Amino acid sequence: MKTLSIKSLAIALLVMLGSIKSYAQISKAEIIATGLTCSMCSNAINKQLKSMTEVDSISTDLNTNTFTVYFKKDVALQPKVLKNAVEKAGFFVGSMVLTMKVDPQKLENNTLKIADGTFVFIDSKNPVSGNEAAYQVIDKGFVTQKAYKKLSKTYSNQPSYAVENENDYHLKTI
C-alpha cells in the first residue's frame, strides 16, 4: 500500500514537471552585448554563458557582438540568468530576443507564469500559438538605456511595465 502511494506521487510529480516545461520552452536566445572593444571581451561573455548547465551551444558574431545561445531540451530558464552572466563578464545586454513556443491555453490576459517568472506579452499581437516564435525582452537591463526611455513612454499605460519587477519579463513579438 505504501509503495503504491509513493509511485503515484512520483508519477504525479513527473507529469506536473513535464507540463511546466512544455508550455514555454525557450530554445534559443540572441543577445547583443554592449561595451565590447575586442575579441577578449567577447571571449569573457562566451565563457560565462558556456559555464551555464542549461546551455547546449553558443555561436558568436564578432561584427555585431551577438551571442546566439542554444539551450538543452526540457530546461526551464529565466532571462535574468542570461543577463546576469553577461554582466558578470563585465558587460551589458543591449538586446535580447528569445525564441520559444507558447501554449495559448496557458495564457491568461496575455500573461504566462513560469516558475518564479511572469512573461507579459505587451504588444497588440497575441503570442504566436503552437509554433516557435521570436520575442524581444523590452525591460530595463535587456535593452539599451536610450531604448528603455523610449519604450517606457510607449508602454506607460501598462502598469506592470512601470514597476520594473525583476521577475516580470515584458515581451514584444518580432
C-alpha atoms as a PDB file:
ATOM      1  CA  MET A   1       0.000   0.000   0.000  1.00  0.00           C
ATOM      2  CA  LYS A   2       2.783   2.428   0.954  1.00  0.00           C
ATOM      3  CA  THR A   3       4.748   1.603  -2.220  1.00  0.00           C
ATOM      4  CA  LEU A   4       1.693   2.265  -4.381  1.00  0.00           C
ATOM      5  CA  SER A   5       1.158   5.759  -2.940  1.00  0.00           C
ATOM      6  CA  ILE A   6       4.845   6.645  -3.377  1.00  0.00           C
ATOM      7  CA  LYS A   7       4.711   5.516  -7.008  1.00  0.00           C
ATOM      8  CA  SER A   8       1.515   7.506  -7.571  1.00  0.00           C
ATOM      9  CA  LEU A   9       3.099  10.577  -6.039  1.00  0.00           C
ATOM     10  CA  ALA A  10       6.218  10.182  -8.188  1.00  0.00           C
ATOM     11  CA  ILE A  11       4.170   9.826 -11.375  1.00  0.00           C
ATOM     12  CA  ALA A  12       2.051  12.874 -10.499  1.00  0.00           C
ATOM     13  CA  LEU A  13       5.200  14.895  -9.841  1.00  0.00           C
ATOM     14  CA  LEU A  14       6.741  13.882 -13.180  1.00  0.00           C
ATOM     15  CA  VAL A  15       3.553  14.805 -15.044  1.00  0.00           C
ATOM     16  CA  MET A  16       3.435  18.172 -13.289  1.00  0.00           C
ATOM     17  CA  LEU A  17       7.092  18.958 -14.034  1.00  0.00           C
ATOM     18  CA  GLY A  18       6.674  17.873 -17.650  1.00  0.00           C
ATOM     19  CA  SER A  19       3.718  20.180 -18.138  1.00  0.00           C
ATOM     20  CA  ILE A  20       5.630  23.169 -16.751  1.00  0.00           C
ATOM     21  CA  LYS A  21       8.374  22.808 -19.328  1.00  0.00           C
ATOM     22  CA  SER A  22       6.135  22.021 -22.263  1.00  0.00           C
ATOM     23  CA  TYR A  23       4.238  25.282 -22.487  1.00  0.00           C
ATOM     24  CA  ALA A  24       7.098  27.770 -22.648  1.00  0.00           C
ATOM     25  CA  GLN A  25      10.395  26.189 -23.509  1.00  0.00           C
ATOM     26  CA  ILE A  26      12.968  28.786 -24.536  1.00  0.00           C
ATOM     27  CA  SER A  27      15.017  27.104 -27.251  1.00  0.00           C
ATOM     28  CA  LYS A  28      17.294  29.983 -28.244  1.00  0.00           C
ATOM     29  CA  ALA A  29      18.322  33.454 -27.085  1.00  0.00           C
ATOM     30  CA  GLU A  30      20.048  36.083 -29.216  1.00  0.00           C
ATOM     31  CA  ILE A  31      21.924  38.527 -27.024  1.00  0.00           C
ATOM     32  CA  ILE A  32      23.554  41.682 -28.328  1.00  0.00           C
ATOM     33  CA  ALA A  33      26.110  42.814 -25.759  1.00  0.00           C
ATOM     34  CA  THR A  34      27.313  46.387 -25.336  1.00  0.00           C
ATOM     35  CA  GLY A  35      30.661  47.678 -24.153  1.00  0.00           C
ATOM     36  CA  LEU A  36      32.846  45.185 -26.041  1.00  0.00           C
ATOM     37  CA  THR A  37      36.075  46.514 -27.523  1.00  0.00           C
ATOM     38  CA  CYS A  38      37.984  43.396 -28.564  1.00  0.00           C
ATOM     39  CA  SER A  39      37.772  39.653 -29.055  1.00  0.00           C
ATOM     40  CA  MET A  40      38.907  39.057 -25.458  1.00  0.00           C
ATOM     41  CA  CYS A  41      35.755  40.863 -24.300  1.00  0.00           C
ATOM     42  CA  SER A  42      33.663  38.514 -26.383  1.00  0.00           C
ATOM     43  CA  ASN A  43      35.606  35.570 -25.000  1.00  0.00           C
ATOM     44  CA  ALA A  44      34.729  36.614 -21.425  1.00  0.00           C
ATOM     45  CA  ILE A  45      30.999  36.612 -22.230  1.00  0.00           C
ATOM     46  CA  ASN A  46      31.322  33.348 -24.132  1.00  0.00           C
ATOM     47  CA  LYS A  47      32.975  31.695 -21.102  1.00  0.00           C
ATOM     48  CA  GLN A  48      30.266  32.905 -18.731  1.00  0.00           C
ATOM     49  CA  LEU A  49      27.462  31.654 -20.972  1.00  0.00           C
ATOM     50  CA  LYS A  50      29.150  28.298 -21.664  1.00  0.00           C
ATOM     51  CA  SER A  51      29.568  27.676 -17.931  1.00  0.00           C
ATOM     52  CA  MET A  52      25.776  27.516 -17.525  1.00  0.00           C
ATOM     53  CA  THR A  53      24.455  23.952 -17.322  1.00  0.00           C
ATOM     54  CA  GLU A  54      21.334  24.859 -19.345  1.00  0.00           C
ATOM     55  CA  VAL A  55      23.383  25.918 -22.393  1.00  0.00           C
ATOM     56  CA  ASP A  56      23.844  23.417 -25.227  1.00  0.00           C
ATOM     57  CA  SER A  57      25.926  25.571 -27.595  1.00  0.00           C
ATOM     58  CA  ILE A  58      26.792  29.170 -28.471  1.00  0.00           C
ATOM     59  CA  SER A  59      27.598  30.895 -31.734  1.00  0.00           C
ATOM     60  CA  THR A  60      29.188  34.329 -31.768  1.00  0.00           C
ATOM     61  CA  ASP A  61      29.166  37.093 -34.373  1.00  0.00           C
ATOM     62  CA  LEU A  62      32.016  39.471 -33.514  1.00  0.00           C
ATOM     63  CA  ASN A  63      30.890  42.056 -36.097  1.00  0.00           C
ATOM     64  CA  THR A  64      27.582  42.667 -34.322  1.00  0.00           C
ATOM     65  CA  ASN A  65      28.546  41.471 -30.806  1.00  0.00           C
ATOM     66  CA  THR A  66      25.712  38.946 -30.999  1.00  0.00           C
ATOM     67  CA  PHE A  67      25.736  35.749 -28.975  1.00  0.00           C
ATOM     68  CA  THR A  68      23.223  33.128 -30.079  1.00  0.00           C
ATOM     69  CA  VAL A  69      22.692  30.744 -27.187  1.00  0.00           C
ATOM     70  CA  TYR A  70      21.018  27.371 -27.793  1.00  0.00           C
ATOM     71  CA  PHE A  71      19.561  25.582 -24.781  1.00  0.00           C
ATOM     72  CA  LYS A  72      19.268  21.940 -23.868  1.00  0.00           C
ATOM     73  CA  LYS A  73      15.861  20.389 -24.356  1.00  0.00           C
ATOM     74  CA  ASP A  74      13.389  20.494 -21.458  1.00  0.00           C
ATOM     75  CA  VAL A  75      15.272  23.089 -19.419  1.00  0.00           C
ATOM     76  CA  ALA A  76      13.407  25.965 -17.785  1.00  0.00           C
ATOM     77  CA  LEU A  77      15.374  29.215 -17.698  1.00  0.00           C
ATOM     78  CA  GLN A  78      14.630  32.811 -16.784  1.00  0.00           C
ATOM     79  CA  PRO A  79      16.083  35.612 -18.972  1.00  0.00           C
ATOM     80  CA  LYS A  80      17.639  37.309 -15.925  1.00  0.00           C
ATOM     81  CA  VAL A  81      20.060  34.366 -15.633  1.00  0.00           C
ATOM     82  CA  LEU A  82      21.473  35.210 -19.083  1.00  0.00           C
ATOM     83  CA  LYS A  83      21.580  38.920 -18.272  1.00  0.00           C
ATOM     84  CA  ASN A  84      23.438  38.194 -15.027  1.00  0.00           C
ATOM     85  CA  ALA A  85      26.004  36.055 -16.905  1.00  0.00           C
ATOM     86  CA  VAL A  86      26.726  38.888 -19.366  1.00  0.00           C
ATOM     87  CA  GLU A  87      27.007  41.390 -16.512  1.00  0.00           C
ATOM     88  CA  LYS A  88      29.267  39.039 -14.542  1.00  0.00           C
ATOM     89  CA  ALA A  89      31.637  39.146 -17.522  1.00  0.00           C
ATOM     90  CA  GLY A  90      31.660  42.956 -17.151  1.00  0.00           C
ATOM     91  CA  PHE A  91      29.303  43.976 -19.974  1.00  0.00           C
ATOM     92  CA  PHE A  92      25.660  44.859 -20.587  1.00  0.00           C
ATOM     93  CA  VAL A  93      22.777  43.492 -22.619  1.00  0.00           C
ATOM     94  CA  GLY A  94      21.761  45.824 -25.437  1.00  0.00           C
ATOM     95  CA  SER A  95      19.076  43.499 -26.787  1.00  0.00           C
ATOM     96  CA  MET A  96      17.718  40.042 -26.004  1.00  0.00           C
ATOM     97  CA  VAL A  97      15.453  38.057 -28.314  1.00  0.00           C
ATOM     98  CA  LEU A  98      14.017  34.771 -27.072  1.00  0.00           C
ATOM     99  CA  THR A  99      12.760  32.032 -29.374  1.00  0.00           C
ATOM    100  CA  MET A 100      10.109  29.913 -27.696  1.00  0.00           C
ATOM    101  CA  LYS A 101       6.865  28.062 -28.133  1.00  0.00           C
ATOM    102  CA  VAL A 102       3.826  29.329 -26.220  1.00  0.00           C
ATOM    103  CA  ASP A 103       0.747  27.239 -25.468  1.00  0.00           C
ATOM    104  CA  PRO A 104      -2.296  29.558 -25.819  1.00  0.00           C
ATOM    105  CA  GLN A 105      -4.257  27.550 -23.250  1.00  0.00           C
ATOM    106  CA  LYS A 106      -1.748  28.506 -20.550  1.00  0.00           C
ATOM    107  CA  LEU A 107      -2.093  32.244 -21.262  1.00  0.00           C
ATOM    108  CA  GLU A 108      -4.224  34.413 -19.040  1.00  0.00           C
ATOM    109  CA  ASN A 109      -4.684  38.048 -20.162  1.00  0.00           C
ATOM    110  CA  ASN A 110      -1.568  37.791 -22.365  1.00  0.00           C
ATOM    111  CA  THR A 111       0.408  36.655 -19.304  1.00  0.00           C
ATOM    112  CA  LEU A 112       2.219  33.384 -18.755  1.00  0.00           C
ATOM    113  CA  LYS A 113       3.596  32.335 -15.357  1.00  0.00           C
ATOM    114  CA  ILE A 114       6.623  30.049 -15.309  1.00  0.00           C
ATOM    115  CA  ALA A 115       8.227  29.087 -12.012  1.00  0.00           C
ATOM    116  CA  ASP A 116       9.244  32.392 -10.376  1.00  0.00           C
ATOM    117  CA  GLY A 117       8.839  34.476 -13.541  1.00  0.00           C
ATOM    118  CA  THR A 118       5.955  36.097 -15.366  1.00  0.00           C
ATOM    119  CA  PHE A 119       6.065  36.645 -19.121  1.00  0.00           C
ATOM    120  CA  VAL A 120       3.826  39.531 -20.222  1.00  0.00           C
ATOM    121  CA  PHE A 121       3.156  39.779 -23.968  1.00  0.00           C
ATOM    122  CA  ILE A 122       2.901  43.537 -24.217  1.00  0.00           C
ATOM    123  CA  ASP A 123       2.206  44.304 -27.860  1.00  0.00           C
ATOM    124  CA  SER A 124      -1.158  44.069 -29.553  1.00  0.00           C
ATOM    125  CA  LYS A 125      -0.181  40.884 -31.384  1.00  0.00           C
ATOM    126  CA  ASN A 126      -1.063  37.759 -29.465  1.00  0.00           C
ATOM    127  CA  PRO A 127       1.755  35.305 -28.933  1.00  0.00           C
ATOM    128  CA  VAL A 128       2.212  33.032 -31.909  1.00  0.00           C
ATOM    129  CA  SER A 129       0.493  29.956 -30.578  1.00  0.00           C
ATOM    130  CA  GLY A 130       1.726  26.442 -31.072  1.00  0.00           C
ATOM    131  CA  ASN A 131       4.756  27.409 -33.164  1.00  0.00           C
ATOM    132  CA  GLU A 132       8.119  28.734 -32.131  1.00  0.00           C
ATOM    133  CA  ALA A 133       8.322  32.490 -32.432  1.00  0.00           C
ATOM    134  CA  ALA A 134      10.759  35.274 -31.533  1.00  0.00           C
ATOM    135  CA  TYR A 135      10.013  37.701 -28.711  1.00  0.00           C
ATOM    136  CA  GLN A 136      12.159  40.661 -27.670  1.00  0.00           C
ATOM    137  CA  VAL A 137      12.535  41.304 -23.939  1.00  0.00           C
ATOM    138  CA  ILE A 138      11.899  45.038 -23.555  1.00  0.00           C
ATOM    139  CA  ASP A 139      12.543  45.550 -19.850  1.00  0.00           C
ATOM    140  CA  LYS A 140      15.206  47.737 -18.265  1.00  0.00           C
ATOM    141  CA  GLY A 141      18.556  45.959 -18.450  1.00  0.00           C
ATOM    142  CA  PHE A 142      17.504  43.954 -21.523  1.00  0.00           C
ATOM    143  CA  VAL A 143      17.625  46.933 -23.920  1.00  0.00           C
ATOM    144  CA  THR A 144      19.873  49.997 -24.071  1.00  0.00           C
ATOM    145  CA  GLN A 145      19.079  52.923 -21.746  1.00  0.00           C
ATOM    146  CA  LYS A 146      18.060  55.056 -24.724  1.00  0.00           C
ATOM    147  CA  ALA A 147      15.674  52.369 -25.989  1.00  0.00           C
ATOM    148  CA  TYR A 148      14.251  51.867 -22.493  1.00  0.00           C
ATOM    149  CA  LYS A 149      13.422  55.585 -22.151  1.00  0.00           C
ATOM    150  CA  LYS A 150      11.516  55.446 -25.422  1.00  0.00           C
ATOM    151  CA  LEU A 151       9.778  52.180 -24.510  1.00  0.00           C
ATOM    152  CA  SER A 152       8.763  53.427 -21.059  1.00  0.00           C
ATOM    153  CA  LYS A 153       6.912  56.317 -22.699  1.00  0.00           C
ATOM    154  CA  THR A 154       5.276  53.996 -25.226  1.00  0.00           C
ATOM    155  CA  TYR A 155       4.158  51.458 -22.610  1.00  0.00           C
ATOM    156  CA  SER A 156       3.378  53.845 -19.737  1.00  0.00           C
ATOM    157  CA  ASN A 157      -0.242  52.623 -19.836  1.00  0.00           C
ATOM    158  CA  GLN A 158       0.939  49.102 -18.927  1.00  0.00           C
ATOM    159  CA  PRO A 159       1.004  49.070 -15.085  1.00  0.00           C
ATOM    160  CA  SER A 160       3.424  46.154 -14.725  1.00  0.00           C
ATOM    161  CA  TYR A 161       5.962  47.746 -17.101  1.00  0.00           C
ATOM    162  CA  ALA A 162       6.455  50.797 -14.907  1.00  0.00           C
ATOM    163  CA  VAL A 163       7.034  48.698 -11.761  1.00  0.00           C
ATOM    164  CA  GLU A 164      10.311  47.155 -13.038  1.00  0.00           C
ATOM    165  CA  ASN A 165       9.941  43.860 -11.163  1.00  0.00           C
ATOM    166  CA  GLU A 166      12.968  41.671 -11.958  1.00  0.00           C
ATOM    167  CA  ASN A 167      10.768  38.566 -12.273  1.00  0.00           C
ATOM    168  CA  ASP A 168       8.428  40.145 -14.841  1.00  0.00           C
ATOM    169  CA  TYR A 169       9.527  39.933 -18.464  1.00  0.00           C
ATOM    170  CA  HIS A 170       7.702  42.083 -20.981  1.00  0.00           C
ATOM    171  CA  LEU A 171       7.890  40.572 -24.430  1.00  0.00           C
ATOM    172  CA  LYS A 172       7.240  42.120 -27.803  1.00  0.00           C
ATOM    173  CA  THR A 173       6.520  39.800 -30.719  1.00  0.00           C
ATOM    174  CA  ILE A 174       9.012  40.160 -33.552  1.00  0.00           C
END
